[in-house]
Amino acid sequence: MIQTVHLDDTTLNGKKLRRELHRYKKGVRFDNPATNGTVPEGYMTSKEFRIRASIKVNKFCDKHGIL
């Protein structure tokens, strides 16, 4: 069975646990959304952010007659 554990590595205990878990080569895996391509719920990719920001800037400029 696979367990999902969230460690707060800004705390002393979180740092200790993370160092300890990194020692194991089998049975422990660390997922990094930046490298595996999966975007956590509530987040967006940088490409999606740029598209949304561009749309919002254009709407603002059109609304206020800037462009």
PDB file of N, CA and C in Angstrom:
ATOM      1  N   MET A   1       0.837  -1.164   0.000  1.00  0.00           N
ATOM      2  CA  MET A   1       0.000   0.000   0.000  1.00  0.00           C
ATOM      3  C   MET A   1       0.894   1.242   0.000  1.00  0.00           C
ATOM      4  N   ILE A   2       0.489   2.258  -0.729  1.00  0.00           N
ATOM      5  CA  ILE A   2       1.239   3.514  -0.795  1.00  0.00           C
ATOM      6  C   ILE A   2       0.570   4.528   0.116  1.00  0.00           C
ATOM      7  N   GLN A   3       1.367   5.185   0.928  1.00  0.00           N
ATOM      8  CA  GLN A   3       0.880   6.209   1.852  1.00  0.00           C
ATOM      9  C   GLN A   3       1.360   7.579   1.383  1.00  0.00           C
ATOM     10  N   THR A   4       0.494   8.559   1.452  1.00  0.00           N
ATOM     11  CA  THR A   4       0.885   9.931   1.140  1.00  0.00           C
ATOM     12  C   THR A   4       1.121  10.655   2.457  1.00  0.00           C
ATOM     13  N   VAL A   5       2.298  11.228   2.592  1.00  0.00           N
ATOM     14  CA  VAL A   5       2.672  11.934   3.819  1.00  0.00           C
ATOM     15  C   VAL A   5       3.109  13.335   3.442  1.00  0.00           C
ATOM     16  N   HIS A   6       2.656  14.312   4.182  1.00  0.00           N
ATOM     17  CA  HIS A   6       3.054  15.700   3.950  1.00  0.00           C
ATOM     18  C   HIS A   6       3.992  16.118   5.077  1.00  0.00           C
ATOM     19  N   LEU A   7       5.216  16.478   4.710  1.00  0.00           N
ATOM     20  CA  LEU A   7       6.208  16.928   5.682  1.00  0.00           C
ATOM     21  C   LEU A   7       6.411  18.428   5.535  1.00  0.00           C
ATOM     22  N   ASP A   8       6.417  19.116   6.635  1.00  0.00           N
ATOM     23  CA  ASP A   8       6.733  20.539   6.623  1.00  0.00           C
ATOM     24  C   ASP A   8       8.233  20.650   6.875  1.00  0.00           C
ATOM     25  N   ASP A   9       9.003  20.780   5.798  1.00  0.00           N
ATOM     26  CA  ASP A   9      10.453  20.791   5.967  1.00  0.00           C
ATOM     27  C   ASP A   9      11.004  22.153   6.363  1.00  0.00           C
ATOM     28  N   THR A  10      10.121  23.022   6.844  1.00  0.00           N
ATOM     29  CA  THR A  10      10.601  24.260   7.468  1.00  0.00           C
ATOM     30  C   THR A  10      10.747  24.069   8.972  1.00  0.00           C
ATOM     31  N   THR A  11      10.282  22.910   9.480  1.00  0.00           N
ATOM     32  CA  THR A  11      10.408  22.616  10.910  1.00  0.00           C
ATOM     33  C   THR A  11      11.591  21.674  11.133  1.00  0.00           C
ATOM     34  N   LEU A  12      12.081  21.625  12.335  1.00  0.00           N
ATOM     35  CA  LEU A  12      13.214  20.771  12.676  1.00  0.00           C
ATOM     36  C   LEU A  12      12.859  19.302  12.469  1.00  0.00           C
ATOM     37  N   ASN A  13      11.680  18.878  12.954  1.00  0.00           N
ATOM     38  CA  ASN A  13      11.272  17.482  12.790  1.00  0.00           C
ATOM     39  C   ASN A  13      11.081  17.127  11.323  1.00  0.00           C
ATOM     40  N   GLY A  14      10.515  18.014  10.548  1.00  0.00           N
ATOM     41  CA  GLY A  14      10.326  17.779   9.123  1.00  0.00           C
ATOM     42  C   GLY A  14      11.651  17.612   8.404  1.00  0.00           C
ATOM     43  N   LYS A  15      12.629  18.441   8.747  1.00  0.00           N
ATOM     44  CA  LYS A  15      13.956  18.335   8.130  1.00  0.00           C
ATOM     45  C   LYS A  15      14.616  17.006   8.475  1.00  0.00           C
ATOM     46  N   LYS A  16      14.499  16.596   9.741  1.00  0.00           N
ATOM     47  CA  LYS A  16      15.091  15.329  10.177  1.00  0.00           C
ATOM     48  C   LYS A  16      14.454  14.155   9.443  1.00  0.00           C
ATOM     49  N   LEU A  17      13.132  14.151   9.354  1.00  0.00           N
ATOM     50  CA  LEU A  17      12.430  13.069   8.675  1.00  0.00           C
ATOM     51  C   LEU A  17      12.787  13.024   7.190  1.00  0.00           C
ATOM     52  N   ARG A  18      12.883  14.166   6.572  1.00  0.00           N
ATOM     53  CA  ARG A  18      13.219  14.213   5.140  1.00  0.00           C
ATOM     54  C   ARG A  18      14.619  13.648   4.895  1.00  0.00           C
ATOM     55  N   ARG A  19      15.586  14.059   5.721  1.00  0.00           N
ATOM     56  CA  ARG A  19      16.950  13.520   5.586  1.00  0.00           C
ATOM     57  C   ARG A  19      16.956  12.008   5.780  1.00  0.00           C
ATOM     58  N   GLU A  20      16.216  11.546   6.780  1.00  0.00           N
ATOM     59  CA  GLU A  20      16.154  10.112   7.068  1.00  0.00           C
ATOM     60  C   GLU A  20      15.539   9.351   5.891  1.00  0.00           C
ATOM     61  N   LEU A  21      14.450   9.835   5.348  1.00  0.00           N
ATOM     62  CA  LEU A  21      13.775   9.154   4.248  1.00  0.00           C
ATOM     63  C   LEU A  21      14.607   9.141   2.970  1.00  0.00           C
ATOM     64  N   HIS A  22      15.400  10.171   2.744  1.00  0.00           N
ATOM     65  CA  HIS A  22      16.245  10.231   1.536  1.00  0.00           C
ATOM     66  C   HIS A  22      17.328   9.157   1.556  1.00  0.00           C
ATOM     67  N   ARG A  23      17.608   8.590   2.715  1.00  0.00           N
ATOM     68  CA  ARG A  23      18.625   7.542   2.815  1.00  0.00           C
ATOM     69  C   ARG A  23      18.170   6.245   2.167  1.00  0.00           C
ATOM     70  N   TYR A  24      16.863   6.018   2.113  1.00  0.00           N
ATOM     71  CA  TYR A  24      16.338   4.761   1.596  1.00  0.00           C
ATOM     72  C   TYR A  24      16.212   4.821   0.084  1.00  0.00           C
ATOM     73  N   LYS A  25      16.732   3.809  -0.582  1.00  0.00           N
ATOM     74  CA  LYS A  25      16.711   3.773  -2.050  1.00  0.00           C
ATOM     75  C   LYS A  25      15.495   3.009  -2.576  1.00  0.00           C
ATOM     76  N   LYS A  26      14.963   2.071  -1.795  1.00  0.00           N
ATOM     77  CA  LYS A  26      13.805   1.283  -2.217  1.00  0.00           C
ATOM     78  C   LYS A  26      12.635   1.565  -1.276  1.00  0.00           C
ATOM     79  N   GLY A  27      11.461   1.660  -1.852  1.00  0.00           N
ATOM     80  CA  GLY A  27      10.257   1.802  -1.047  1.00  0.00           C
ATOM     81  C   GLY A  27       9.889   3.231  -0.698  1.00  0.00           C
ATOM     82  N   VAL A  28      10.752   4.188  -1.023  1.00  0.00           N
ATOM     83  CA  VAL A  28      10.472   5.598  -0.737  1.00  0.00           C
ATOM     84  C   VAL A  28      10.635   6.379  -2.029  1.00  0.00           C
ATOM     85  N   ARG A  29       9.646   7.192  -2.338  1.00  0.00           N
ATOM     86  CA  ARG A  29       9.699   8.002  -3.563  1.00  0.00           C
ATOM     87  C   ARG A  29       9.228   9.419  -3.221  1.00  0.00           C
ATOM     88  N   PHE A  30       9.933  10.393  -3.753  1.00  0.00           N
ATOM     89  CA  PHE A  30       9.561  11.788  -3.572  1.00  0.00           C
ATOM     90  C   PHE A  30       9.023  12.313  -4.897  1.00  0.00           C
ATOM     91  N   ASP A  31       7.798  12.833  -4.873  1.00  0.00           N
ATOM     92  CA  ASP A  31       7.210  13.428  -6.066  1.00  0.00           C
ATOM     93  C   ASP A  31       7.502  14.916  -6.080  1.00  0.00           C
ATOM     94  N   ASN A  32       7.973  15.392  -7.209  1.00  0.00           N
ATOM     95  CA  ASN A  32       8.244  16.812  -7.374  1.00  0.00           C
ATOM     96  C   ASN A  32       7.405  17.303  -8.551  1.00  0.00           C
ATOM     97  N   PRO A  33       6.344  18.092  -8.288  1.00  0.00           N
ATOM     98  CA  PRO A  33       5.486  18.556  -9.370  1.00  0.00           C
ATOM     99  C   PRO A  33       6.236  19.326 -10.455  1.00  0.00           C
ATOM    100  N   ALA A  34       7.340  19.943 -10.106  1.00  0.00           N
ATOM    101  CA  ALA A  34       8.102  20.714 -11.088  1.00  0.00           C
ATOM    102  C   ALA A  34       8.779  19.805 -12.112  1.00  0.00           C
ATOM    103  N   THR A  35       9.085  18.576 -11.721  1.00  0.00           N
ATOM    104  CA  THR A  35       9.786  17.680 -12.632  1.00  0.00           C
ATOM    105  C   THR A  35       8.907  16.602 -13.239  1.00  0.00           C
ATOM    106  N   ASN A  36       7.819  16.222 -12.562  1.00  0.00           N
ATOM    107  CA  ASN A  36       7.004  15.133 -13.103  1.00  0.00           C
ATOM    108  C   ASN A  36       5.815  15.623 -13.927  1.00  0.00           C
ATOM    109  N   GLY A  37       5.597  16.920 -14.001  1.00  0.00           N
ATOM    110  CA  GLY A  37       4.581  17.469 -14.888  1.00  0.00           C
ATOM    111  C   GLY A  37       3.166  17.496 -14.344  1.00  0.00           C
ATOM    112  N   THR A  38       2.948  16.998 -13.138  1.00  0.00           N
ATOM    113  CA  THR A  38       1.599  17.051 -12.574  1.00  0.00           C
ATOM    114  C   THR A  38       1.444  18.325 -11.762  1.00  0.00           C
ATOM    115  N   VAL A  39       0.333  18.997 -11.950  1.00  0.00           N
ATOM    116  CA  VAL A  39       0.083  20.252 -11.251  1.00  0.00           C
ATOM    117  C   VAL A  39      -0.861  19.975 -10.083  1.00  0.00           C
ATOM    118  N   PRO A  40      -0.450  20.288  -8.844  1.00  0.00           N
ATOM    119  CA  PRO A  40      -1.327  20.051  -7.700  1.00  0.00           C
ATOM    120  C   PRO A  40      -2.613  20.867  -7.818  1.00  0.00           C
ATOM    121  N   GLU A  41      -3.674  20.363  -7.199  1.00  0.00           N
ATOM    122  CA  GLU A  41      -4.959  21.045  -7.221  1.00  0.00           C
ATOM    123  C   GLU A  41      -4.812  22.450  -6.632  1.00  0.00           C
ATOM    124  N   GLY A  42      -5.400  23.422  -7.294  1.00  0.00           N
ATOM    125  CA  GLY A  42      -5.320  24.797  -6.820  1.00  0.00           C
ATOM    126  C   GLY A  42      -4.167  25.589  -7.420  1.00  0.00           C
ATOM    127  N   TYR A  43      -3.308  24.943  -8.186  1.00  0.00           N
ATOM    128  CA  TYR A  43      -2.178  25.606  -8.816  1.00  0.00           C
ATOM    129  C   TYR A  43      -2.374  25.617 -10.326  1.00  0.00           C
ATOM    130  N   MET A  44      -1.594  26.415 -11.027  1.00  0.00           N
ATOM    131  CA  MET A  44      -1.628  26.418 -12.482  1.00  0.00           C
ATOM    132  C   MET A  44      -0.203  26.450 -13.006  1.00  0.00           C
ATOM    133  N   THR A  45      -0.050  26.034 -14.256  1.00  0.00           N
ATOM    134  CA  THR A  45       1.273  26.048 -14.866  1.00  0.00           C
ATOM    135  C   THR A  45       1.670  27.489 -15.193  1.00  0.00           C
ATOM    136  N   SER A  46       2.940  27.718 -15.428  1.00  0.00           N
ATOM    137  CA  SER A  46       3.394  29.064 -15.783  1.00  0.00           C
ATOM    138  C   SER A  46       2.819  29.489 -17.135  1.00  0.00           C
ATOM    139  N   LYS A  47       2.641  28.526 -18.038  1.00  0.00           N
ATOM    140  CA  LYS A  47       2.053  28.833 -19.342  1.00  0.00           C
ATOM    141  C   LYS A  47       0.606  29.319 -19.165  1.00  0.00           C
ATOM    142  N   GLU A  48      -0.159  28.602 -18.346  1.00  0.00           N
ATOM    143  CA  GLU A  48      -1.544  28.999 -18.092  1.00  0.00           C
ATOM    144  C   GLU A  48      -1.602  30.370 -17.405  1.00  0.00           C
ATOM    145  N   PHE A  49      -0.670  30.622 -16.483  1.00  0.00           N
ATOM    146  CA  PHE A  49      -0.622  31.917 -15.801  1.00  0.00           C
ATOM    147  C   PHE A  49      -0.382  33.047 -16.795  1.00  0.00           C
ATOM    148  N   ARG A  50       0.583  32.851 -17.703  1.00  0.00           N
ATOM    149  CA  ARG A  50       0.886  33.891 -18.696  1.00  0.00           C
ATOM    150  C   ARG A  50      -0.315  34.182 -19.589  1.00  0.00           C
ATOM    151  N   ILE A  51      -1.023  33.132 -19.989  1.00  0.00           N
ATOM    152  CA  ILE A  51      -2.207  33.316 -20.837  1.00  0.00           C
ATOM    153  C   ILE A  51      -3.279  34.105 -20.094  1.00  0.00           C
ATOM    154  N   ARG A  52      -3.569  33.695 -18.854  1.00  0.00           N
ATOM    155  CA  ARG A  52      -4.599  34.387 -18.063  1.00  0.00           C
ATOM    156  C   ARG A  52      -4.209  35.834 -17.771  1.00  0.00           C
ATOM    157  N   ALA A  53      -2.936  36.055 -17.450  1.00  0.00           N
ATOM    158  CA  ALA A  53      -2.476  37.415 -17.151  1.00  0.00           C
ATOM    159  C   ALA A  53      -2.594  38.301 -18.382  1.00  0.00           C
ATOM    160  N   SER A  54      -2.227  37.783 -19.536  1.00  0.00           N
ATOM    161  CA  SER A  54      -2.321  38.554 -20.775  1.00  0.00           C
ATOM    162  C   SER A  54      -3.771  38.932 -21.076  1.00  0.00           C
ATOM    163  N   ILE A  55      -4.683  38.002 -20.888  1.00  0.00           N
ATOM    164  CA  ILE A  55      -6.104  38.275 -21.117  1.00  0.00           C
ATOM    165  C   ILE A  55      -6.593  39.367 -20.172  1.00  0.00           C
ATOM    166  N   LYS A  56      -6.223  39.268 -18.888  1.00  0.00           N
ATOM    167  CA  LYS A  56      -6.665  40.267 -17.899  1.00  0.00           C
ATOM    168  C   LYS A  56      -6.086  41.646 -18.190  1.00  0.00           C
ATOM    169  N   VAL A  57      -4.822  41.702 -18.596  1.00  0.00           N
ATOM    170  CA  VAL A  57      -4.194  42.985 -18.914  1.00  0.00           C
ATOM    171  C   VAL A  57      -4.890  43.620 -20.118  1.00  0.00           C
ATOM    172  N   ASN A  58      -5.155  42.817 -21.135  1.00  0.00           N
ATOM    173  CA  ASN A  58      -5.837  43.332 -22.328  1.00  0.00           C
ATOM    174  C   ASN A  58      -7.236  43.853 -21.994  1.00  0.00           C
ATOM    175  N   LYS A  59      -7.974  43.124 -21.158  1.00  0.00           N
ATOM    176  CA  LYS A  59      -9.316  43.567 -20.764  1.00  0.00           C
ATOM    177  C   LYS A  59      -9.248  44.887 -19.990  1.00  0.00           C
ATOM    178  N   PHE A  60      -8.284  44.994 -19.081  1.00  0.00           N
ATOM    179  CA  PHE A  60      -8.119  46.219 -18.297  1.00  0.00           C
ATOM    180  C   PHE A  60      -7.800  47.397 -19.202  1.00  0.00           C
ATOM    181  N   CYS A  61      -6.874  47.181 -20.131  1.00  0.00           N
ATOM    182  CA  CYS A  61      -6.489  48.255 -21.043  1.00  0.00           C
ATOM    183  C   CYS A  61      -7.661  48.674 -21.942  1.00  0.00           C
ATOM    184  N   ASP A  62      -8.412  47.715 -22.442  1.00  0.00           N
ATOM    185  CA  ASP A  62      -9.585  48.020 -23.262  1.00  0.00           C
ATOM    186  C   ASP A  62     -10.617  48.805 -22.454  1.00  0.00           C
ATOM    187  N   LYS A  63     -10.842  48.380 -21.217  1.00  0.00           N
ATOM    188  CA  LYS A  63     -11.841  49.016 -20.365  1.00  0.00           C
ATOM    189  C   LYS A  63     -11.490  50.478 -20.092  1.00  0.00           C
ATOM    190  N   HIS A  64     -10.203  50.770 -19.916  1.00  0.00           N
ATOM    191  CA  HIS A  64      -9.750  52.111 -19.544  1.00  0.00           C
ATOM    192  C   HIS A  64      -9.180  52.895 -20.730  1.00  0.00           C
ATOM    193  N   GLY A  65      -9.301  52.346 -21.926  1.00  0.00           N
ATOM    194  CA  GLY A  65      -8.847  53.046 -23.123  1.00  0.00           C
ATOM    195  C   GLY A  65      -7.365  53.279 -23.186  1.00  0.00           C
ATOM    196  N   ILE A  66      -6.588  52.401 -22.627  1.00  0.00           N
ATOM    197  CA  ILE A  66      -5.141  52.572 -22.583  1.00  0.00           C
ATOM    198  C   ILE A  66      -4.506  52.165 -23.918  1.00  0.00           C
ATOM    199  N   LEU A  67      -4.962  51.093 -24.497  1.00  0.00           N
ATOM    200  CA  LEU A  67      -4.372  50.635 -25.772  1.00  0.00           C
ATOM    201  C   LEU A  67      -5.250  50.979 -26.925  1.00  0.00           C
TER     202      LEU A  67
END
